[in-house]
Amino acid sequence: MKAWYMDSSCEDQRLPHHLDPPQYVSEEHLSELGVLHWVMNADEYETDPQLKKLREERGYDYEDFITVSPDKLPNYEHKIKTFYEEHIHTDEEIRYCLDGSGYFDVRDSDDRWIRIWVEKGDMIVLPAGSYHRFTNDETNYIKAMRLFVGAPIWTPYNRPQDDHPIRQQYVSEIRRKSSGAGIEAH
């Protein structure tokens, strides 16, 4: 996983959108925003003891799989536009990249976009109430396991949602954690 602050270009959403010069974001800073990350063996996800332990600890008892690519996802163009709409959820968004790669964009506490590039083996958790979106990268292919606590709740609440209770809870938690550190210029 790599993360960086995004430029404001309207070019193809599948491009990296680095600032010039790039400003990389540390995993520690992502953690302050509530974003969690693990690296696992995606080739052995069915028997991986690390994944099993994490699922038990965090209560992830439901899973399904999605392949986001033009030839695998029905109504691909519409879906990829929907995934790229800025939104929140009332539950965590948990994605485990089993193959391919893609981008999760999250807002920081100053409302700036951070692009998070996940590849095979990366598991990411976006906290409930965080503004985010997803898009494929230039490979146009990602296969992911989606995990949930209980039955899946798919409802995205598109921005603005600043008055939504889960958003207010998230913002309060981030303010409590905020330290202003975590940016690395490269």
C-alpha atoms as a PDB file:
ATOM      1  CA  MET A   1       0.000   0.000   0.000  1.00  0.00           C
ATOM      2  CA  LYS A   2       1.166   3.474  -0.856  1.00  0.00           C
ATOM      3  CA  ALA A   3      -0.641   6.731  -0.139  1.00  0.00           C
ATOM      4  CA  TRP A   4      -0.218  10.329  -1.257  1.00  0.00           C
ATOM      5  CA  TYR A   5      -2.022  13.656  -1.459  1.00  0.00           C
ATOM      6  CA  MET A   6      -3.826  14.089  -4.768  1.00  0.00           C
ATOM      7  CA  ASP A   7      -3.660  16.926  -7.243  1.00  0.00           C
ATOM      8  CA  SER A   8      -6.886  18.653  -8.300  1.00  0.00           C
ATOM      9  CA  SER A   9      -6.681  17.614 -11.949  1.00  0.00           C
ATOM     10  CA  CYS A  10      -9.825  16.449 -13.722  1.00  0.00           C
ATOM     11  CA  GLU A  11      -7.830  14.003 -15.876  1.00  0.00           C
ATOM     12  CA  ASP A  12      -8.712  10.322 -16.007  1.00  0.00           C
ATOM     13  CA  GLN A  13      -9.600   9.190 -12.454  1.00  0.00           C
ATOM     14  CA  ARG A  14      -7.524   6.024 -12.990  1.00  0.00           C
ATOM     15  CA  LEU A  15      -4.261   8.016 -13.093  1.00  0.00           C
ATOM     16  CA  PRO A  16      -2.139   8.375  -9.922  1.00  0.00           C
ATOM     17  CA  HIS A  17      -2.810  12.134  -9.526  1.00  0.00           C
ATOM     18  CA  HIS A  18       0.388  12.913  -7.591  1.00  0.00           C
ATOM     19  CA  LEU A  19       1.163  16.464  -6.535  1.00  0.00           C
ATOM     20  CA  ASP A  20       4.339  17.977  -7.984  1.00  0.00           C
ATOM     21  CA  PRO A  21       6.490  17.199  -6.075  1.00  0.00           C
ATOM     22  CA  PRO A  22       4.667  14.172  -4.624  1.00  0.00           C
ATOM     23  CA  GLN A  23       3.583  14.292  -0.964  1.00  0.00           C
ATOM     24  CA  TYR A  24       3.417  10.758   0.406  1.00  0.00           C
ATOM     25  CA  VAL A  25       1.293   9.964   3.436  1.00  0.00           C
ATOM     26  CA  SER A  26       2.517   7.593   6.137  1.00  0.00           C
ATOM     27  CA  GLU A  27       0.582   4.604   7.402  1.00  0.00           C
ATOM     28  CA  GLU A  28       0.694   6.300  10.820  1.00  0.00           C
ATOM     29  CA  HIS A  29      -1.148   9.337   9.450  1.00  0.00           C
ATOM     30  CA  LEU A  30      -3.725   7.085   7.771  1.00  0.00           C
ATOM     31  CA  SER A  31      -4.195   5.366  11.125  1.00  0.00           C
ATOM     32  CA  GLU A  32      -4.927   8.758  12.712  1.00  0.00           C
ATOM     33  CA  LEU A  33      -7.750   9.053  10.157  1.00  0.00           C
ATOM     34  CA  GLY A  34      -9.024   5.634  11.203  1.00  0.00           C
ATOM     35  CA  VAL A  35      -7.731   3.826   8.103  1.00  0.00           C
ATOM     36  CA  LEU A  36      -6.282   0.415   8.945  1.00  0.00           C
ATOM     37  CA  HIS A  37      -4.038  -1.761   6.788  1.00  0.00           C
ATOM     38  CA  TRP A  38      -2.627  -5.278   6.789  1.00  0.00           C
ATOM     39  CA  VAL A  39      -0.547  -7.231   4.262  1.00  0.00           C
ATOM     40  CA  MET A  40      -1.514 -10.878   3.869  1.00  0.00           C
ATOM     41  CA  ASN A  41      -0.908 -13.815   1.567  1.00  0.00           C
ATOM     42  CA  ALA A  42      -3.709 -13.420  -0.987  1.00  0.00           C
ATOM     43  CA  ASP A  43      -2.828 -16.723  -2.650  1.00  0.00           C
ATOM     44  CA  GLU A  44      -3.771 -18.572   0.543  1.00  0.00           C
ATOM     45  CA  TYR A  45      -6.703 -16.471   1.790  1.00  0.00           C
ATOM     46  CA  GLU A  46      -8.901 -19.555   2.234  1.00  0.00           C
ATOM     47  CA  THR A  47      -6.554 -21.055   4.860  1.00  0.00           C
ATOM     48  CA  ASP A  48      -4.591 -17.992   6.063  1.00  0.00           C
ATOM     49  CA  PRO A  49      -4.406 -18.067   9.895  1.00  0.00           C
ATOM     50  CA  GLN A  50      -3.692 -14.304   9.988  1.00  0.00           C
ATOM     51  CA  LEU A  51      -6.937 -13.572   8.117  1.00  0.00           C
ATOM     52  CA  LYS A  52      -8.868 -16.038  10.274  1.00  0.00           C
ATOM     53  CA  LYS A  53      -7.577 -14.399  13.473  1.00  0.00           C
ATOM     54  CA  LEU A  54      -8.342 -10.889  12.205  1.00  0.00           C
ATOM     55  CA  ARG A  55     -11.871 -11.908  11.208  1.00  0.00           C
ATOM     56  CA  GLU A  56     -12.475 -13.373  14.677  1.00  0.00           C
ATOM     57  CA  GLU A  57     -11.004 -10.350  16.501  1.00  0.00           C
ATOM     58  CA  ARG A  58     -12.992  -7.806  14.474  1.00  0.00           C
ATOM     59  CA  GLY A  59     -16.199  -9.838  14.096  1.00  0.00           C
ATOM     60  CA  TYR A  60     -16.113 -10.110  10.296  1.00  0.00           C
ATOM     61  CA  ASP A  61     -18.512 -12.993   9.785  1.00  0.00           C
ATOM     62  CA  TYR A  62     -19.791 -12.329   6.262  1.00  0.00           C
ATOM     63  CA  GLU A  63     -17.809 -12.237   3.032  1.00  0.00           C
ATOM     64  CA  ASP A  64     -18.357 -11.936  -0.672  1.00  0.00           C
ATOM     65  CA  PHE A  65     -16.167 -11.262  -3.673  1.00  0.00           C
ATOM     66  CA  ILE A  66     -16.197  -8.627  -6.379  1.00  0.00           C
ATOM     67  CA  THR A  67     -14.171  -8.313  -9.546  1.00  0.00           C
ATOM     68  CA  VAL A  68     -14.168  -4.780 -10.876  1.00  0.00           C
ATOM     69  CA  SER A  69     -13.193  -4.879 -14.537  1.00  0.00           C
ATOM     70  CA  PRO A  70     -15.004  -4.113 -17.792  1.00  0.00           C
ATOM     71  CA  ASP A  71     -15.369  -7.797 -18.699  1.00  0.00           C
ATOM     72  CA  LYS A  72     -16.345  -9.112 -15.241  1.00  0.00           C
ATOM     73  CA  LEU A  73     -18.652  -6.492 -13.663  1.00  0.00           C
ATOM     74  CA  PRO A  74     -22.059  -6.069 -15.299  1.00  0.00           C
ATOM     75  CA  ASN A  75     -22.871  -2.452 -16.101  1.00  0.00           C
ATOM     76  CA  TYR A  76     -19.209  -1.576 -15.452  1.00  0.00           C
ATOM     77  CA  GLU A  77     -19.243   2.061 -16.603  1.00  0.00           C
ATOM     78  CA  HIS A  78     -22.225   2.936 -14.411  1.00  0.00           C
ATOM     79  CA  LYS A  79     -20.850   1.063 -11.390  1.00  0.00           C
ATOM     80  CA  ILE A  80     -17.370   2.608 -11.567  1.00  0.00           C
ATOM     81  CA  LYS A  81     -18.965   6.083 -11.669  1.00  0.00           C
ATOM     82  CA  THR A  82     -21.094   5.174  -8.650  1.00  0.00           C
ATOM     83  CA  PHE A  83     -18.063   3.877  -6.727  1.00  0.00           C
ATOM     84  CA  TYR A  84     -16.258   7.175  -7.478  1.00  0.00           C
ATOM     85  CA  GLU A  85     -19.011   9.340  -5.971  1.00  0.00           C
ATOM     86  CA  GLU A  86     -17.830  10.729  -2.635  1.00  0.00           C
ATOM     87  CA  HIS A  87     -19.828   9.036   0.131  1.00  0.00           C
ATOM     88  CA  ILE A  88     -19.902   7.595   3.645  1.00  0.00           C
ATOM     89  CA  HIS A  89     -21.263   4.357   5.083  1.00  0.00           C
ATOM     90  CA  THR A  90     -22.717   3.623   8.517  1.00  0.00           C
ATOM     91  CA  ASP A  91     -20.356   0.634   8.815  1.00  0.00           C
ATOM     92  CA  GLU A  92     -16.682   0.088   8.080  1.00  0.00           C
ATOM     93  CA  GLU A  93     -15.700  -0.645   4.492  1.00  0.00           C
ATOM     94  CA  ILE A  94     -13.373  -3.658   4.533  1.00  0.00           C
ATOM     95  CA  ARG A  95     -11.628  -4.718   1.338  1.00  0.00           C
ATOM     96  CA  TYR A  96      -8.966  -7.377   0.839  1.00  0.00           C
ATOM     97  CA  CYS A  97      -7.250  -7.191  -2.560  1.00  0.00           C
ATOM     98  CA  LEU A  98      -6.863 -10.742  -3.844  1.00  0.00           C
ATOM     99  CA  ASP A  99      -5.593  -9.757  -7.285  1.00  0.00           C
ATOM    100  CA  GLY A 100      -4.965  -6.624  -9.319  1.00  0.00           C
ATOM    101  CA  SER A 101      -4.889  -3.129  -7.843  1.00  0.00           C
ATOM    102  CA  GLY A 102      -6.962   0.010  -7.363  1.00  0.00           C
ATOM    103  CA  TYR A 103      -7.360   3.289  -5.513  1.00  0.00           C
ATOM    104  CA  PHE A 104      -9.318   4.191  -2.405  1.00  0.00           C
ATOM    105  CA  ASP A 105      -9.458   7.959  -1.912  1.00  0.00           C
ATOM    106  CA  VAL A 106     -10.159   9.325   1.578  1.00  0.00           C
ATOM    107  CA  ARG A 107     -10.523  12.852   2.913  1.00  0.00           C
ATOM    108  CA  ASP A 108      -8.129  14.026   5.596  1.00  0.00           C
ATOM    109  CA  SER A 109      -9.126  16.291   8.502  1.00  0.00           C
ATOM    110  CA  ASP A 110      -8.506  19.349   6.273  1.00  0.00           C
ATOM    111  CA  ASP A 111     -10.794  17.938   3.553  1.00  0.00           C
ATOM    112  CA  ARG A 112      -7.877  17.131   1.206  1.00  0.00           C
ATOM    113  CA  TRP A 113      -7.931  13.949  -0.859  1.00  0.00           C
ATOM    114  CA  ILE A 114      -5.471  11.189  -0.024  1.00  0.00           C
ATOM    115  CA  ARG A 115      -5.123   8.480  -2.648  1.00  0.00           C
ATOM    116  CA  ILE A 116      -4.421   4.985  -1.290  1.00  0.00           C
ATOM    117  CA  TRP A 117      -3.108   2.473  -3.792  1.00  0.00           C
ATOM    118  CA  VAL A 118      -3.827  -1.130  -2.837  1.00  0.00           C
ATOM    119  CA  GLU A 119      -2.322  -4.156  -4.514  1.00  0.00           C
ATOM    120  CA  LYS A 120      -2.619  -7.914  -4.187  1.00  0.00           C
ATOM    121  CA  GLY A 121      -2.314  -8.853  -0.504  1.00  0.00           C
ATOM    122  CA  ASP A 122      -3.376  -5.471   0.911  1.00  0.00           C
ATOM    123  CA  MET A 123      -6.350  -5.385   3.267  1.00  0.00           C
ATOM    124  CA  ILE A 124      -7.771  -1.970   4.064  1.00  0.00           C
ATOM    125  CA  VAL A 125     -10.458  -0.820   6.486  1.00  0.00           C
ATOM    126  CA  LEU A 126     -12.099   2.563   5.983  1.00  0.00           C
ATOM    127  CA  PRO A 127     -13.928   3.749   9.089  1.00  0.00           C
ATOM    128  CA  ALA A 128     -17.669   4.340   9.201  1.00  0.00           C
ATOM    129  CA  GLY A 129     -18.461   7.998   8.554  1.00  0.00           C
ATOM    130  CA  SER A 130     -15.316   8.749   6.535  1.00  0.00           C
ATOM    131  CA  TYR A 131     -15.743  10.405   3.152  1.00  0.00           C
ATOM    132  CA  HIS A 132     -14.232   8.145   0.526  1.00  0.00           C
ATOM    133  CA  ARG A 133     -14.525   6.771  -2.996  1.00  0.00           C
ATOM    134  CA  PHE A 134     -13.020   3.987  -5.112  1.00  0.00           C
ATOM    135  CA  THR A 135     -11.712   3.681  -8.636  1.00  0.00           C
ATOM    136  CA  ASN A 136      -9.662   1.231 -10.615  1.00  0.00           C
ATOM    137  CA  ASP A 137      -6.155   2.220 -11.587  1.00  0.00           C
ATOM    138  CA  GLU A 138      -4.892   2.042 -15.175  1.00  0.00           C
ATOM    139  CA  THR A 139      -4.933  -1.776 -15.119  1.00  0.00           C
ATOM    140  CA  ASN A 140      -8.756  -1.656 -14.944  1.00  0.00           C
ATOM    141  CA  TYR A 141      -8.790  -4.778 -12.775  1.00  0.00           C
ATOM    142  CA  ILE A 142      -9.148  -5.614  -9.111  1.00  0.00           C
ATOM    143  CA  LYS A 143     -10.545  -8.698  -7.409  1.00  0.00           C
ATOM    144  CA  ALA A 144     -11.444  -8.113  -3.775  1.00  0.00           C
ATOM    145  CA  MET A 145     -12.965  -9.882  -0.823  1.00  0.00           C
ATOM    146  CA  ARG A 146     -15.540  -7.712   0.911  1.00  0.00           C
ATOM    147  CA  LEU A 147     -15.953  -8.386   4.629  1.00  0.00           C
ATOM    148  CA  PHE A 148     -18.764  -7.336   6.953  1.00  0.00           C
ATOM    149  CA  VAL A 149     -19.908  -7.588  10.530  1.00  0.00           C
ATOM    150  CA  GLY A 150     -23.274  -9.279  10.089  1.00  0.00           C
ATOM    151  CA  ALA A 151     -25.368  -8.911   6.965  1.00  0.00           C
ATOM    152  CA  PRO A 152     -23.904  -6.474   4.437  1.00  0.00           C
ATOM    153  CA  ILE A 153     -25.174  -2.919   4.435  1.00  0.00           C
ATOM    154  CA  TRP A 154     -24.575  -1.434   1.005  1.00  0.00           C
ATOM    155  CA  THR A 155     -26.115   1.983   1.428  1.00  0.00           C
ATOM    156  CA  PRO A 156     -23.795   4.815   0.382  1.00  0.00           C
ATOM    157  CA  TYR A 157     -24.733   8.275   1.649  1.00  0.00           C
ATOM    158  CA  ASN A 158     -23.369  10.732  -0.896  1.00  0.00           C
ATOM    159  CA  ARG A 159     -21.830  13.967   0.300  1.00  0.00           C
ATOM    160  CA  PRO A 160     -22.929  16.231   1.932  1.00  0.00           C
ATOM    161  CA  GLN A 161     -23.589  14.168   5.073  1.00  0.00           C
ATOM    162  CA  ASP A 162     -22.028  16.391   7.747  1.00  0.00           C
ATOM    163  CA  ASP A 163     -25.174  16.175   9.905  1.00  0.00           C
ATOM    164  CA  HIS A 164     -25.374  12.381   9.745  1.00  0.00           C
ATOM    165  CA  PRO A 165     -24.759  10.931  13.250  1.00  0.00           C
ATOM    166  CA  ILE A 166     -22.107   8.468  12.016  1.00  0.00           C
ATOM    167  CA  ARG A 167     -20.248  11.303  10.264  1.00  0.00           C
ATOM    168  CA  GLN A 168     -20.373  13.440  13.410  1.00  0.00           C
ATOM    169  CA  GLN A 169     -19.062  10.507  15.467  1.00  0.00           C
ATOM    170  CA  TYR A 170     -16.204   9.973  12.999  1.00  0.00           C
ATOM    171  CA  VAL A 171     -15.229  13.671  12.979  1.00  0.00           C
ATOM    172  CA  SER A 172     -15.227  13.774  16.792  1.00  0.00           C
ATOM    173  CA  GLU A 173     -12.947  10.729  16.924  1.00  0.00           C
ATOM    174  CA  ILE A 174     -10.526  12.188  14.355  1.00  0.00           C
ATOM    175  CA  ARG A 175     -10.337  15.503  16.181  1.00  0.00           C
ATOM    176  CA  ARG A 176      -9.476  13.607  19.339  1.00  0.00           C
ATOM    177  CA  LYS A 177      -6.662  11.710  17.585  1.00  0.00           C
ATOM    178  CA  SER A 178      -5.376  14.561  15.430  1.00  0.00           C
ATOM    179  CA  SER A 179      -1.720  15.395  15.815  1.00  0.00           C
ATOM    180  CA  GLY A 180      -0.925  17.043  12.455  1.00  0.00           C
ATOM    181  CA  ALA A 181       1.952  14.647  11.664  1.00  0.00           C
ATOM    182  CA  GLY A 182       2.371  12.066   8.977  1.00  0.00           C
ATOM    183  CA  ILE A 183       3.262  13.796   5.708  1.00  0.00           C
ATOM    184  CA  GLU A 184       6.500  12.764   4.017  1.00  0.00           C
ATOM    185  CA  ALA A 185       7.729  14.768   1.011  1.00  0.00           C
ATOM    186  CA  HIS A 186       9.524  12.719  -1.659  1.00  0.00           C
END
